[in-house]
Amino acid sequence: MNNIHEATDYILSKIGDFKPQFGIILGTGLGKLTTEIEIEYTIPYDEIPHFPIATVEFHTGKLLFGKLGGKNVVCMQGRFHYYEGYSMQQVTFPVRVMKLLGIERLFVSNAAGGMNPDFKESDLMIIEDHIALFLPENPLVGGNIMGDRFPDMSEPYDQVVIEKAIEIAQKNGISTIQKGVYVSVSGPQLETKAEYRLLRMVGADAVGMSTVPEVIVARQMGIPVFGISVITDMCIPETLKVADIKVADINKILAAAFKAEPSMTLIIKELVASL
């Protein structure tokens, strides 16, 4: 708690009386939303006491404060992952800081592999539910702080906001919208064919290496969450090529994310404006 308060106090010393209503976490290749924010303050992660440092390429590592859709937001331009060597408490540290800064809602985005045969590359999947069972560590393990010891996870994503997002997509002619279940794994290696089959059997529509720890901590603290995945590649074991498994083509993944970015940006901006 001391570390969380020290980080929060430092940020408050930089932003004054600016109070964010929304927290936003951007995933790989999804940074263009920041161009829609009327930025008032920018704070690099490495200036904030106890804040982890983003080590993944394409994760810039800055906190942005400004207006989106007429509302005050704080946006993480780059997130943290367990596979970078951080504990789950470190991965979710910024969410706890954002809670003390005053956010009322959290929006999370990610790039994910699609396992539902009805999906295709560059689809957007609104996250209806998630599976955390394959993560090696839980961010709530240890001393209980800032929330319930045994938080209910029967509805981790705000169903009212999900329906609003669907309405926004339909109104704007976005036909690439899907709904589904996201499963988080530790990474950094991609899954084998057998693992893809297993994850699909337990009910997952998309797989990635982030998001779920942040959502768990947000819900533990009573923050409503909206989550969205960009399907950047298809992970259907029956049709995977050997080369697809051996090489994670970041350029291909980024291209798929960039293609979907305008639609995701529009949905998030209109959602923020409407809430």
C-alpha atoms as a PDB file:
ATOM      1  CA  MET A   1       0.000   0.000   0.000  1.00  0.00           C
ATOM      2  CA  ASN A   2       2.869   2.384   0.718  1.00  0.00           C
ATOM      3  CA  ASN A   3       4.186   1.884  -2.826  1.00  0.00           C
ATOM      4  CA  ILE A   4       0.742   2.415  -4.323  1.00  0.00           C
ATOM      5  CA  HIS A   5       0.276   5.636  -2.350  1.00  0.00           C
ATOM      6  CA  GLU A   6       3.740   6.916  -3.245  1.00  0.00           C
ATOM      7  CA  ALA A   7       3.085   6.338  -6.951  1.00  0.00           C
ATOM      8  CA  THR A   8      -0.333   7.996  -6.694  1.00  0.00           C
ATOM      9  CA  ASP A   9       1.017  10.997  -4.784  1.00  0.00           C
ATOM     10  CA  TYR A  10       3.709  11.531  -7.422  1.00  0.00           C
ATOM     11  CA  ILE A  11       1.142  11.445 -10.236  1.00  0.00           C
ATOM     12  CA  LEU A  12      -1.146  13.846  -8.354  1.00  0.00           C
ATOM     13  CA  SER A  13       1.777  16.247  -7.983  1.00  0.00           C
ATOM     14  CA  LYS A  14       1.962  16.357 -11.787  1.00  0.00           C
ATOM     15  CA  ILE A  15      -1.740  16.505 -12.711  1.00  0.00           C
ATOM     16  CA  GLY A  16      -3.104  18.749  -9.963  1.00  0.00           C
ATOM     17  CA  ASP A  17      -6.876  18.603  -9.639  1.00  0.00           C
ATOM     18  CA  PHE A  18      -7.388  16.577 -12.846  1.00  0.00           C
ATOM     19  CA  LYS A  19      -9.570  13.587 -11.902  1.00  0.00           C
ATOM     20  CA  PRO A  20      -9.942  10.767 -14.455  1.00  0.00           C
ATOM     21  CA  GLN A  21     -13.336   9.079 -14.701  1.00  0.00           C
ATOM     22  CA  PHE A  22     -12.164   6.306 -17.014  1.00  0.00           C
ATOM     23  CA  GLY A  23      -9.025   4.188 -17.041  1.00  0.00           C
ATOM     24  CA  ILE A  24      -7.970   2.729 -20.412  1.00  0.00           C
ATOM     25  CA  ILE A  25      -5.333   0.043 -21.021  1.00  0.00           C
ATOM     26  CA  LEU A  26      -4.144  -0.346 -24.606  1.00  0.00           C
ATOM     27  CA  GLY A  27      -2.805  -3.623 -25.987  1.00  0.00           C
ATOM     28  CA  THR A  28      -0.262  -4.472 -28.689  1.00  0.00           C
ATOM     29  CA  GLY A  29      -0.755  -2.466 -31.881  1.00  0.00           C
ATOM     30  CA  LEU A  30      -3.683  -0.514 -30.470  1.00  0.00           C
ATOM     31  CA  GLY A  31      -2.122   2.835 -29.708  1.00  0.00           C
ATOM     32  CA  LYS A  32      -4.037   4.981 -32.209  1.00  0.00           C
ATOM     33  CA  LEU A  33      -6.785   5.637 -29.682  1.00  0.00           C
ATOM     34  CA  THR A  34      -4.364   8.094 -28.102  1.00  0.00           C
ATOM     35  CA  THR A  35      -4.718  10.358 -31.147  1.00  0.00           C
ATOM     36  CA  GLU A  36      -8.355  10.877 -30.135  1.00  0.00           C
ATOM     37  CA  ILE A  37      -7.428  12.009 -26.621  1.00  0.00           C
ATOM     38  CA  GLU A  38      -7.022  15.723 -25.961  1.00  0.00           C
ATOM     39  CA  ILE A  39      -3.879  15.161 -23.915  1.00  0.00           C
ATOM     40  CA  GLU A  40      -3.243  17.473 -20.973  1.00  0.00           C
ATOM     41  CA  TYR A  41      -0.506  15.576 -19.113  1.00  0.00           C
ATOM     42  CA  THR A  42       1.993  12.875 -20.086  1.00  0.00           C
ATOM     43  CA  ILE A  43       4.032  10.953 -17.507  1.00  0.00           C
ATOM     44  CA  PRO A  44       6.587   8.302 -18.553  1.00  0.00           C
ATOM     45  CA  TYR A  45       6.395   5.134 -16.478  1.00  0.00           C
ATOM     46  CA  ASP A  46      10.063   5.360 -15.510  1.00  0.00           C
ATOM     47  CA  GLU A  47       9.402   8.636 -13.669  1.00  0.00           C
ATOM     48  CA  ILE A  48       6.704   7.152 -11.408  1.00  0.00           C
ATOM     49  CA  PRO A  49       7.919   5.604  -8.124  1.00  0.00           C
ATOM     50  CA  HIS A  50       7.532   1.791  -8.016  1.00  0.00           C
ATOM     51  CA  PHE A  51       5.939   1.664 -11.484  1.00  0.00           C
ATOM     52  CA  PRO A  52       7.101  -1.241 -13.681  1.00  0.00           C
ATOM     53  CA  ILE A  53       8.758  -0.466 -17.007  1.00  0.00           C
ATOM     54  CA  ALA A  54       7.238  -1.684 -20.285  1.00  0.00           C
ATOM     55  CA  THR A  55       9.819  -3.932 -21.976  1.00  0.00           C
ATOM     56  CA  VAL A  56       7.716  -5.177 -24.901  1.00  0.00           C
ATOM     57  CA  GLU A  57       8.262  -3.612 -28.309  1.00  0.00           C
ATOM     58  CA  PHE A  58       5.385  -1.319 -29.367  1.00  0.00           C
ATOM     59  CA  HIS A  59       4.408  -0.637 -25.727  1.00  0.00           C
ATOM     60  CA  THR A  60       5.479   2.987 -25.348  1.00  0.00           C
ATOM     61  CA  GLY A  61       5.368   3.210 -21.565  1.00  0.00           C
ATOM     62  CA  LYS A  62       3.481   6.417 -20.750  1.00  0.00           C
ATOM     63  CA  LEU A  63       0.468   7.499 -18.732  1.00  0.00           C
ATOM     64  CA  LEU A  64      -1.666   9.958 -20.689  1.00  0.00           C
ATOM     65  CA  PHE A  65      -4.232  12.232 -19.052  1.00  0.00           C
ATOM     66  CA  GLY A  66      -6.812  14.135 -21.051  1.00  0.00           C
ATOM     67  CA  LYS A  67     -10.303  14.194 -22.519  1.00  0.00           C
ATOM     68  CA  LEU A  68     -11.938  11.545 -24.696  1.00  0.00           C
ATOM     69  CA  GLY A  69     -15.553  11.913 -25.762  1.00  0.00           C
ATOM     70  CA  GLY A  70     -15.797  14.867 -23.389  1.00  0.00           C
ATOM     71  CA  LYS A  71     -14.764  12.800 -20.346  1.00  0.00           C
ATOM     72  CA  ASN A  72     -11.580  12.802 -18.286  1.00  0.00           C
ATOM     73  CA  VAL A  73      -9.486   9.683 -18.909  1.00  0.00           C
ATOM     74  CA  VAL A  74      -6.153   8.197 -17.926  1.00  0.00           C
ATOM     75  CA  CYS A  75      -4.701   5.939 -20.604  1.00  0.00           C
ATOM     76  CA  MET A  76      -1.917   3.396 -20.229  1.00  0.00           C
ATOM     77  CA  GLN A  77       0.083   3.533 -23.453  1.00  0.00           C
ATOM     78  CA  GLY A  78       1.631   0.130 -22.910  1.00  0.00           C
ATOM     79  CA  ARG A  79       0.889  -2.558 -20.334  1.00  0.00           C
ATOM     80  CA  PHE A  80       2.858  -5.154 -18.375  1.00  0.00           C
ATOM     81  CA  HIS A  81       2.908  -8.931 -18.712  1.00  0.00           C
ATOM     82  CA  TYR A  82       3.817 -11.833 -16.459  1.00  0.00           C
ATOM     83  CA  TYR A  83       6.215 -13.162 -19.103  1.00  0.00           C
ATOM     84  CA  GLU A  84       8.334 -10.013 -18.782  1.00  0.00           C
ATOM     85  CA  GLY A  85       9.380 -11.285 -15.359  1.00  0.00           C
ATOM     86  CA  TYR A  86       6.936  -9.239 -13.309  1.00  0.00           C
ATOM     87  CA  SER A  87       4.773 -10.669 -10.548  1.00  0.00           C
ATOM     88  CA  MET A  88       1.020 -10.436 -10.966  1.00  0.00           C
ATOM     89  CA  GLN A  89       1.019  -7.783  -8.242  1.00  0.00           C
ATOM     90  CA  GLN A  90       3.393  -5.696 -10.370  1.00  0.00           C
ATOM     91  CA  VAL A  91       1.371  -6.347 -13.548  1.00  0.00           C
ATOM     92  CA  THR A  92      -1.758  -5.003 -11.843  1.00  0.00           C
ATOM     93  CA  PHE A  93      -0.066  -2.231  -9.821  1.00  0.00           C
ATOM     94  CA  PRO A  94      -1.257   0.512 -12.242  1.00  0.00           C
ATOM     95  CA  VAL A  95      -4.900  -0.546 -11.835  1.00  0.00           C
ATOM     96  CA  ARG A  96      -4.682   0.014  -8.098  1.00  0.00           C
ATOM     97  CA  VAL A  97      -3.045   3.398  -8.696  1.00  0.00           C
ATOM     98  CA  MET A  98      -5.817   4.347 -11.142  1.00  0.00           C
ATOM     99  CA  LYS A  99      -8.385   3.440  -8.486  1.00  0.00           C
ATOM    100  CA  LEU A 100      -6.788   5.909  -6.068  1.00  0.00           C
ATOM    101  CA  LEU A 101      -6.709   8.506  -8.844  1.00  0.00           C
ATOM    102  CA  GLY A 102     -10.496   8.203  -8.978  1.00  0.00           C
ATOM    103  CA  ILE A 103     -11.435   6.141 -12.037  1.00  0.00           C
ATOM    104  CA  GLU A 104     -15.016   4.893 -12.068  1.00  0.00           C
ATOM    105  CA  ARG A 105     -14.667   2.446 -14.980  1.00  0.00           C
ATOM    106  CA  LEU A 106     -11.882   0.490 -16.660  1.00  0.00           C
ATOM    107  CA  PHE A 107     -11.647  -0.231 -20.393  1.00  0.00           C
ATOM    108  CA  VAL A 108      -9.117  -2.868 -21.478  1.00  0.00           C
ATOM    109  CA  SER A 109      -8.038  -3.913 -24.971  1.00  0.00           C
ATOM    110  CA  ASN A 110      -5.706  -6.588 -26.289  1.00  0.00           C
ATOM    111  CA  ALA A 111      -4.498  -8.427 -29.368  1.00  0.00           C
ATOM    112  CA  ALA A 112      -5.581 -12.073 -29.259  1.00  0.00           C
ATOM    113  CA  GLY A 113      -5.512 -15.299 -31.210  1.00  0.00           C
ATOM    114  CA  GLY A 114      -8.907 -16.454 -32.436  1.00  0.00           C
ATOM    115  CA  MET A 115      -9.959 -20.054 -31.724  1.00  0.00           C
ATOM    116  CA  ASN A 116     -13.607 -19.793 -32.702  1.00  0.00           C
ATOM    117  CA  PRO A 117     -13.962 -21.013 -36.316  1.00  0.00           C
ATOM    118  CA  ASP A 118     -16.589 -18.325 -36.931  1.00  0.00           C
ATOM    119  CA  PHE A 119     -13.999 -15.577 -36.320  1.00  0.00           C
ATOM    120  CA  LYS A 120     -11.559 -14.119 -38.811  1.00  0.00           C
ATOM    121  CA  GLU A 121      -8.483 -11.906 -38.640  1.00  0.00           C
ATOM    122  CA  SER A 122      -9.148  -8.273 -37.658  1.00  0.00           C
ATOM    123  CA  ASP A 123     -12.518  -9.100 -36.095  1.00  0.00           C
ATOM    124  CA  LEU A 124     -13.294  -7.351 -32.819  1.00  0.00           C
ATOM    125  CA  MET A 125     -14.376  -9.619 -29.959  1.00  0.00           C
ATOM    126  CA  ILE A 126     -16.182  -7.972 -27.076  1.00  0.00           C
ATOM    127  CA  ILE A 127     -15.204  -9.978 -24.015  1.00  0.00           C
ATOM    128  CA  GLU A 128     -18.274 -11.451 -22.302  1.00  0.00           C
ATOM    129  CA  ASP A 129     -16.359 -13.625 -19.846  1.00  0.00           C
ATOM    130  CA  HIS A 130     -12.879 -14.946 -19.220  1.00  0.00           C
ATOM    131  CA  ILE A 131     -10.955 -17.994 -18.031  1.00  0.00           C
ATOM    132  CA  ALA A 132      -8.118 -17.429 -15.535  1.00  0.00           C
ATOM    133  CA  LEU A 133      -7.441 -21.055 -14.588  1.00  0.00           C
ATOM    134  CA  PHE A 134      -4.328 -21.392 -16.777  1.00  0.00           C
ATOM    135  CA  LEU A 135      -2.460 -18.479 -15.210  1.00  0.00           C
ATOM    136  CA  PRO A 136       0.466 -19.530 -12.976  1.00  0.00           C
ATOM    137  CA  GLU A 137      -0.220 -16.843 -10.381  1.00  0.00           C
ATOM    138  CA  ASN A 138      -3.198 -14.878  -9.059  1.00  0.00           C
ATOM    139  CA  PRO A 139      -2.828 -11.118  -8.400  1.00  0.00           C
ATOM    140  CA  LEU A 140      -4.987 -11.416  -5.254  1.00  0.00           C
ATOM    141  CA  VAL A 141      -2.717 -13.927  -3.512  1.00  0.00           C
ATOM    142  CA  GLY A 142      -1.076 -12.472  -0.402  1.00  0.00           C
ATOM    143  CA  GLY A 143      -2.206  -9.774   1.959  1.00  0.00           C
ATOM    144  CA  ASN A 144      -5.646  -8.447   1.058  1.00  0.00           C
ATOM    145  CA  ILE A 145      -5.723  -4.767   0.091  1.00  0.00           C
ATOM    146  CA  MET A 146      -8.234  -2.352  -1.439  1.00  0.00           C
ATOM    147  CA  GLY A 147     -11.169  -4.707  -1.821  1.00  0.00           C
ATOM    148  CA  ASP A 148     -12.924  -7.963  -0.997  1.00  0.00           C
ATOM    149  CA  ARG A 149     -10.896 -10.953   0.123  1.00  0.00           C
ATOM    150  CA  PHE A 150     -13.156 -13.247  -1.938  1.00  0.00           C
ATOM    151  CA  PRO A 151     -14.520 -11.123  -4.810  1.00  0.00           C
ATOM    152  CA  ASP A 152     -17.384 -12.462  -6.903  1.00  0.00           C
ATOM    153  CA  MET A 153     -16.372 -13.110 -10.516  1.00  0.00           C
ATOM    154  CA  SER A 154     -19.684 -14.388 -11.877  1.00  0.00           C
ATOM    155  CA  GLU A 155     -19.992 -11.267 -14.069  1.00  0.00           C
ATOM    156  CA  PRO A 156     -16.560  -9.686 -14.554  1.00  0.00           C
ATOM    157  CA  TYR A 157     -17.600  -7.572 -17.574  1.00  0.00           C
ATOM    158  CA  ASP A 158     -20.380  -4.980 -17.474  1.00  0.00           C
ATOM    159  CA  GLN A 159     -23.270  -6.443 -19.450  1.00  0.00           C
ATOM    160  CA  VAL A 160     -25.016  -3.090 -19.919  1.00  0.00           C
ATOM    161  CA  VAL A 161     -21.875  -1.601 -21.494  1.00  0.00           C
ATOM    162  CA  ILE A 162     -21.483  -4.697 -23.678  1.00  0.00           C
ATOM    163  CA  GLU A 163     -24.950  -4.120 -25.117  1.00  0.00           C
ATOM    164  CA  LYS A 164     -24.170  -0.434 -25.659  1.00  0.00           C
ATOM    165  CA  ALA A 165     -21.012  -1.420 -27.559  1.00  0.00           C
ATOM    166  CA  ILE A 166     -23.000  -3.768 -29.795  1.00  0.00           C
ATOM    167  CA  GLU A 167     -25.501  -0.979 -30.510  1.00  0.00           C
ATOM    168  CA  ILE A 168     -22.685   1.444 -31.376  1.00  0.00           C
ATOM    169  CA  ALA A 169     -21.122  -1.113 -33.735  1.00  0.00           C
ATOM    170  CA  GLN A 170     -24.440  -1.771 -35.476  1.00  0.00           C
ATOM    171  CA  LYS A 171     -25.245   1.937 -35.744  1.00  0.00           C
ATOM    172  CA  ASN A 172     -21.887   2.569 -37.406  1.00  0.00           C
ATOM    173  CA  GLY A 173     -22.055  -0.400 -39.771  1.00  0.00           C
ATOM    174  CA  ILE A 174     -19.242  -2.336 -38.071  1.00  0.00           C
ATOM    175  CA  SER A 175     -19.905  -5.895 -39.207  1.00  0.00           C
ATOM    176  CA  THR A 176     -16.705  -7.408 -37.794  1.00  0.00           C
ATOM    177  CA  ILE A 177     -17.983  -7.426 -34.216  1.00  0.00           C
ATOM    178  CA  GLN A 178     -18.145 -10.649 -32.191  1.00  0.00           C
ATOM    179  CA  LYS A 179     -18.757 -11.621 -28.562  1.00  0.00           C
ATOM    180  CA  GLY A 180     -16.851 -14.334 -26.755  1.00  0.00           C
ATOM    181  CA  VAL A 181     -14.760 -15.751 -23.929  1.00  0.00           C
ATOM    182  CA  TYR A 182     -11.112 -14.746 -23.512  1.00  0.00           C
ATOM    183  CA  VAL A 183      -8.570 -17.069 -21.905  1.00  0.00           C
ATOM    184  CA  SER A 184      -5.321 -15.703 -20.517  1.00  0.00           C
ATOM    185  CA  VAL A 185      -2.093 -17.720 -20.482  1.00  0.00           C
ATOM    186  CA  SER A 186       1.358 -16.792 -19.257  1.00  0.00           C
ATOM    187  CA  GLY A 187       3.312 -16.926 -22.547  1.00  0.00           C
ATOM    188  CA  PRO A 188       5.604 -15.898 -24.059  1.00  0.00           C
ATOM    189  CA  GLN A 189       5.584 -19.016 -26.248  1.00  0.00           C
ATOM    190  CA  LEU A 190       2.585 -19.582 -28.481  1.00  0.00           C
ATOM    191  CA  GLU A 191       0.413 -22.609 -27.866  1.00  0.00           C
ATOM    192  CA  THR A 192       0.786 -26.064 -29.387  1.00  0.00           C
ATOM    193  CA  LYS A 193      -2.016 -27.565 -31.441  1.00  0.00           C
ATOM    194  CA  ALA A 194      -2.968 -29.748 -28.480  1.00  0.00           C
ATOM    195  CA  GLU A 195      -3.117 -26.708 -26.212  1.00  0.00           C
ATOM    196  CA  TYR A 196      -5.321 -24.831 -28.668  1.00  0.00           C
ATOM    197  CA  ARG A 197      -7.675 -27.815 -28.734  1.00  0.00           C
ATOM    198  CA  LEU A 198      -7.749 -27.901 -24.923  1.00  0.00           C
ATOM    199  CA  LEU A 199      -8.460 -24.189 -24.596  1.00  0.00           C
ATOM    200  CA  ARG A 200     -11.242 -24.405 -27.144  1.00  0.00           C
ATOM    201  CA  MET A 201     -12.728 -27.437 -25.357  1.00  0.00           C
ATOM    202  CA  VAL A 202     -12.985 -25.531 -22.067  1.00  0.00           C
ATOM    203  CA  GLY A 203     -14.956 -22.763 -23.767  1.00  0.00           C
ATOM    204  CA  ALA A 204     -12.479 -20.116 -24.933  1.00  0.00           C
ATOM    205  CA  ASP A 205     -13.024 -18.180 -28.153  1.00  0.00           C
ATOM    206  CA  ALA A 206      -9.753 -16.218 -28.046  1.00  0.00           C
ATOM    207  CA  VAL A 207      -6.417 -16.530 -26.259  1.00  0.00           C
ATOM    208  CA  GLY A 208      -3.888 -13.947 -25.116  1.00  0.00           C
ATOM    209  CA  MET A 209      -1.243 -13.148 -22.511  1.00  0.00           C
ATOM    210  CA  SER A 210      -2.796 -10.224 -20.644  1.00  0.00           C
ATOM    211  CA  THR A 211      -6.007  -8.526 -19.489  1.00  0.00           C
ATOM    212  CA  VAL A 212      -7.421 -11.083 -17.030  1.00  0.00           C
ATOM    213  CA  PRO A 213      -5.143 -10.150 -14.081  1.00  0.00           C
ATOM    214  CA  GLU A 214      -6.039  -6.470 -14.531  1.00  0.00           C
ATOM    215  CA  VAL A 215      -9.742  -7.295 -14.697  1.00  0.00           C
ATOM    216  CA  ILE A 216      -9.571  -9.449 -11.560  1.00  0.00           C
ATOM    217  CA  VAL A 217      -8.006  -6.602  -9.583  1.00  0.00           C
ATOM    218  CA  ALA A 218     -10.429  -4.024 -10.984  1.00  0.00           C
ATOM    219  CA  ARG A 219     -13.431  -6.139 -10.035  1.00  0.00           C
ATOM    220  CA  GLN A 220     -11.961  -6.847  -6.603  1.00  0.00           C
ATOM    221  CA  MET A 221     -11.977  -3.079  -6.057  1.00  0.00           C
ATOM    222  CA  GLY A 222     -15.516  -2.669  -7.412  1.00  0.00           C
ATOM    223  CA  ILE A 223     -14.571  -1.073 -10.751  1.00  0.00           C
ATOM    224  CA  PRO A 224     -16.896  -2.005 -13.680  1.00  0.00           C
ATOM    225  CA  VAL A 225     -14.963  -3.293 -16.704  1.00  0.00           C
ATOM    226  CA  PHE A 226     -15.383  -3.347 -20.483  1.00  0.00           C
ATOM    227  CA  GLY A 227     -12.980  -5.491 -22.491  1.00  0.00           C
ATOM    228  CA  ILE A 228     -12.348  -5.871 -26.211  1.00  0.00           C
ATOM    229  CA  SER A 229      -9.943  -8.067 -28.191  1.00  0.00           C
ATOM    230  CA  VAL A 230      -8.666  -7.607 -31.713  1.00  0.00           C
ATOM    231  CA  ILE A 231      -8.318 -11.009 -33.381  1.00  0.00           C
ATOM    232  CA  THR A 232      -4.884 -10.722 -34.956  1.00  0.00           C
ATOM    233  CA  ASP A 233      -4.404 -14.337 -36.065  1.00  0.00           C
ATOM    234  CA  MET A 234      -6.405 -17.540 -36.253  1.00  0.00           C
ATOM    235  CA  CYS A 235      -5.405 -20.436 -34.002  1.00  0.00           C
ATOM    236  CA  ILE A 236      -7.461 -23.305 -35.376  1.00  0.00           C
ATOM    237  CA  PRO A 237      -5.413 -26.495 -34.767  1.00  0.00           C
ATOM    238  CA  GLU A 238      -6.881 -28.312 -37.761  1.00  0.00           C
ATOM    239  CA  THR A 239      -5.696 -25.644 -40.203  1.00  0.00           C
ATOM    240  CA  LEU A 240      -2.519 -24.328 -38.571  1.00  0.00           C
ATOM    241  CA  LYS A 241       0.601 -24.529 -40.683  1.00  0.00           C
ATOM    242  CA  VAL A 242       3.895 -25.569 -39.120  1.00  0.00           C
ATOM    243  CA  ALA A 243       5.358 -22.147 -39.914  1.00  0.00           C
ATOM    244  CA  ASP A 244       2.515 -20.480 -38.006  1.00  0.00           C
ATOM    245  CA  ILE A 245       3.546 -22.305 -34.848  1.00  0.00           C
ATOM    246  CA  LYS A 246       7.282 -21.787 -35.239  1.00  0.00           C
ATOM    247  CA  VAL A 247       7.286 -18.075 -35.969  1.00  0.00           C
ATOM    248  CA  ALA A 248       5.276 -15.343 -34.278  1.00  0.00           C
ATOM    249  CA  ASP A 249       5.141 -12.821 -37.116  1.00  0.00           C
ATOM    250  CA  ILE A 250       4.799  -9.526 -35.262  1.00  0.00           C
ATOM    251  CA  ASN A 251       4.379  -7.590 -38.517  1.00  0.00           C
ATOM    252  CA  LYS A 252       1.403  -9.750 -39.479  1.00  0.00           C
ATOM    253  CA  ILE A 253      -0.103  -9.346 -36.020  1.00  0.00           C
ATOM    254  CA  LEU A 254       0.365  -5.580 -36.086  1.00  0.00           C
ATOM    255  CA  ALA A 255      -1.138  -5.334 -39.574  1.00  0.00           C
ATOM    256  CA  ALA A 256      -4.269  -7.157 -38.386  1.00  0.00           C
ATOM    257  CA  ALA A 257      -4.481  -4.898 -35.326  1.00  0.00           C
ATOM    258  CA  PHE A 258      -4.035  -1.725 -37.402  1.00  0.00           C
ATOM    259  CA  LYS A 259      -6.838  -2.817 -39.724  1.00  0.00           C
ATOM    260  CA  ALA A 260      -9.257  -3.173 -36.805  1.00  0.00           C
ATOM    261  CA  GLU A 261      -8.066  -0.112 -34.888  1.00  0.00           C
ATOM    262  CA  PRO A 262     -10.422   2.503 -36.384  1.00  0.00           C
ATOM    263  CA  SER A 263     -13.481   0.448 -35.433  1.00  0.00           C
ATOM    264  CA  MET A 264     -12.220  -0.250 -31.931  1.00  0.00           C
ATOM    265  CA  THR A 265     -11.337   3.419 -31.428  1.00  0.00           C
ATOM    266  CA  LEU A 266     -14.791   4.524 -32.536  1.00  0.00           C
ATOM    267  CA  ILE A 267     -16.536   2.073 -30.213  1.00  0.00           C
ATOM    268  CA  ILE A 268     -14.479   3.057 -27.166  1.00  0.00           C
ATOM    269  CA  LYS A 269     -14.789   6.787 -27.858  1.00  0.00           C
ATOM    270  CA  GLU A 270     -18.576   6.610 -28.254  1.00  0.00           C
ATOM    271  CA  LEU A 271     -18.901   4.364 -25.199  1.00  0.00           C
ATOM    272  CA  VAL A 272     -16.967   6.820 -23.042  1.00  0.00           C
ATOM    273  CA  ALA A 273     -19.083   9.699 -24.324  1.00  0.00           C
ATOM    274  CA  SER A 274     -22.325   7.820 -23.568  1.00  0.00           C
ATOM    275  CA  LEU A 275     -21.569   6.749 -19.981  1.00  0.00           C
END
